[in-house]
């Protein structure tokens, strides 16, 4: 048995970094409008959840006010890295600290969200609200 057999032994607290990069992660595939990052940044799970809540709240209001129908969202920021920490008084050695939260690393050009079946003005308002919450530069995209 291997020491770090992930199926049987969960001693490894991190995931391997993928060697091959997805070459189409910067293109709009499913929706009509999108938001793309322009910086490298570590996004915490608290930030991701607050953005999701804001989007859901705004979309509920839009669906009630307008008769657009179902608004679809594709979300591409997934927390896939564990953040570990030791207490400040701990001496060197004695292994890795406990997992305290999850995070997601965002690359430049990576697509963060996609929206479909929304008017352009409403998308502009929604994206401006999202940009205020994010701590890095972003660019809005449209398929047309």
Protein backbone atom coordinates (compact mmCIF):
# COMPACT_ATOMS: atom_id res chain seq x y z
CA UNK A 1 0.00 0.00 0.00
CA UNK A 2 1.29 3.43 -0.90
CA UNK A 3 1.75 5.92 1.89
CA UNK A 4 -0.46 8.59 0.31
CA UNK A 5 -3.16 6.43 -1.24
CA UNK A 6 -6.02 8.94 -1.36
CA UNK A 7 -8.78 6.34 -1.64
CA UNK A 8 -7.78 4.44 1.51
CA UNK A 9 -5.63 6.85 3.51
CA UNK A 10 -6.63 10.51 3.93
CA UNK A 11 -3.37 11.77 5.48
CA UNK A 12 -2.66 14.19 2.62
CA UNK A 13 -4.40 17.48 3.40
CA UNK A 14 -3.87 19.13 0.02
CA UNK A 15 -4.57 18.36 -3.61
CA UNK A 16 -1.93 18.01 -6.29
CA UNK A 17 -1.48 20.98 -8.63
CA UNK A 18 -2.62 20.17 -12.13
CA UNK A 19 0.21 20.16 -14.63
CA UNK A 20 -1.92 20.89 -17.69
CA UNK A 21 -3.91 24.12 -17.78
CA UNK A 22 -7.37 24.37 -19.26
CA UNK A 23 -6.95 26.51 -22.38
CA UNK A 24 -10.64 27.44 -22.64
CA UNK A 25 -11.20 28.74 -19.10
CA UNK A 26 -11.27 32.35 -20.37
CA UNK A 27 -14.08 31.96 -22.96
CA UNK A 28 -17.83 32.31 -22.47
CA UNK A 29 -19.27 28.88 -23.22
CA UNK A 30 -22.79 28.67 -21.80
CA UNK A 31 -24.18 32.14 -21.07
CA UNK A 32 -24.37 35.53 -22.77
CA UNK A 33 -22.51 37.66 -20.22
CA UNK A 34 -19.59 36.92 -17.94
CA UNK A 35 -16.99 38.23 -15.51
CA UNK A 36 -13.26 37.53 -15.91
CA UNK A 37 -10.39 38.11 -13.46
CA UNK A 38 -7.32 40.14 -14.37
CA UNK A 39 -5.10 39.34 -11.34
CA UNK A 40 -3.73 36.41 -9.38
CA UNK A 41 -5.60 36.22 -6.09
CA UNK A 42 -6.50 33.85 -3.27
CA UNK A 43 -10.24 34.08 -2.61
CA UNK A 44 -11.50 32.83 0.74
CA UNK A 45 -14.69 30.78 1.14
CA UNK A 46 -16.32 33.66 3.07
CA UNK A 47 -15.88 35.96 0.07
CA UNK A 48 -17.25 33.31 -2.30
CA UNK A 49 -20.34 32.76 -0.15
CA UNK A 50 -21.05 36.50 0.17
CA UNK A 51 -20.84 36.88 -3.62
CA UNK A 52 -23.22 33.94 -4.12
CA UNK A 53 -25.72 35.41 -1.65
CA UNK A 54 -25.58 38.82 -3.36
CA UNK A 55 -26.17 37.29 -6.80
CA UNK A 56 -29.10 35.18 -5.57
CA UNK A 57 -30.69 38.17 -3.85
CA UNK A 58 -30.39 40.42 -6.91
CA UNK A 59 -31.71 37.73 -9.25
CA UNK A 60 -34.76 37.05 -7.06
CA UNK A 61 -35.60 40.76 -7.23
CA UNK A 62 -35.13 40.81 -11.01
CA UNK A 63 -37.34 37.75 -11.53
CA UNK A 64 -40.13 39.35 -9.49
CA UNK A 65 -39.96 42.78 -11.18
CA UNK A 66 -39.49 41.67 -14.79
CA UNK A 67 -41.03 38.84 -16.78
CA UNK A 68 -37.71 37.62 -18.16
CA UNK A 69 -38.26 34.05 -16.99
CA UNK A 70 -35.63 31.81 -15.47
CA UNK A 71 -32.22 33.44 -15.16
CA UNK A 72 -29.33 31.00 -15.35
CA UNK A 73 -25.99 31.42 -13.58
CA UNK A 74 -22.80 29.40 -13.97
CA UNK A 75 -20.33 29.79 -11.11
CA UNK A 76 -16.67 28.85 -11.69
CA UNK A 77 -15.03 29.76 -8.37
CA UNK A 78 -14.79 26.53 -6.37
CA UNK A 79 -12.90 26.35 -3.04
CA UNK A 80 -10.46 23.54 -3.73
CA UNK A 81 -7.50 24.32 -1.44
CA UNK A 82 -7.31 23.79 2.30
CA UNK A 83 -5.87 26.57 4.50
CA UNK A 84 -4.03 25.27 7.56
CA UNK A 85 -2.77 27.12 10.61
CA UNK A 86 -0.88 26.53 13.86
CA UNK A 87 -1.25 28.60 17.01
CA UNK A 88 1.43 31.33 17.31
CA UNK A 89 3.09 29.76 20.38
CA UNK A 90 3.79 26.43 18.66
CA UNK A 91 7.43 25.47 18.15
CA UNK A 92 8.86 24.25 14.88
CA UNK A 93 8.15 20.71 13.80
CA UNK A 94 5.29 18.44 14.84
CA UNK A 95 3.66 18.34 11.40
CA UNK A 96 1.10 20.44 9.66
CA UNK A 97 -1.59 22.49 11.39
CA UNK A 98 -5.32 21.89 11.38
CA UNK A 99 -7.49 22.93 8.45
CA UNK A 100 -9.23 26.20 9.32
CA UNK A 101 -10.92 27.12 6.01
CA UNK A 102 -10.99 26.58 2.25
CA UNK A 103 -9.86 28.90 -0.54
CA UNK A 104 -9.71 29.18 -4.30
CA UNK A 105 -6.81 30.51 -6.39
CA UNK A 106 -7.87 32.72 -9.29
CA UNK A 107 -5.61 33.20 -12.33
CA UNK A 108 -5.65 36.12 -14.75
CA UNK A 109 -8.11 35.50 -17.55
CA UNK A 110 -10.10 32.91 -15.59
CA UNK A 111 -13.86 33.14 -15.98
CA UNK A 112 -15.67 33.65 -12.65
CA UNK A 113 -19.37 33.78 -13.59
CA UNK A 114 -21.68 33.48 -16.58
CA UNK A 115 -25.24 34.80 -16.88
CA UNK A 116 -27.94 34.16 -19.43
CA UNK A 117 -31.43 35.55 -20.23
CA UNK A 118 -30.78 38.94 -18.61
CA UNK A 119 -31.10 42.44 -20.15
CA UNK A 120 -27.82 44.31 -20.66
CA UNK A 121 -28.66 47.10 -18.20
CA UNK A 122 -29.47 44.66 -15.41
CA UNK A 123 -26.26 42.73 -16.08
CA UNK A 124 -24.25 45.94 -15.84
CA UNK A 125 -25.83 46.74 -12.45
CA UNK A 126 -25.24 43.21 -11.16
CA UNK A 127 -21.61 43.15 -12.30
CA UNK A 128 -20.91 46.54 -10.71
CA UNK A 129 -22.26 45.20 -7.36
CA UNK A 130 -20.05 42.10 -7.67
CA UNK A 131 -16.96 44.18 -8.54
CA UNK A 132 -17.39 46.13 -5.29
CA UNK A 133 -17.20 42.89 -3.28
CA UNK A 134 -14.17 41.44 -5.08
CA UNK A 135 -10.67 42.41 -3.97
CA UNK A 136 -9.06 42.14 -7.42
CA UNK A 137 -9.51 43.64 -10.88
CA UNK A 138 -12.13 42.11 -13.15
CA UNK A 139 -13.41 42.57 -16.69
CA UNK A 140 -16.98 42.11 -17.91
CA UNK A 141 -17.56 40.09 -21.09
CA UNK A 142 -20.41 39.62 -23.53
CA UNK A 143 -20.88 37.02 -26.24
CA UNK A 144 -22.15 39.46 -28.87
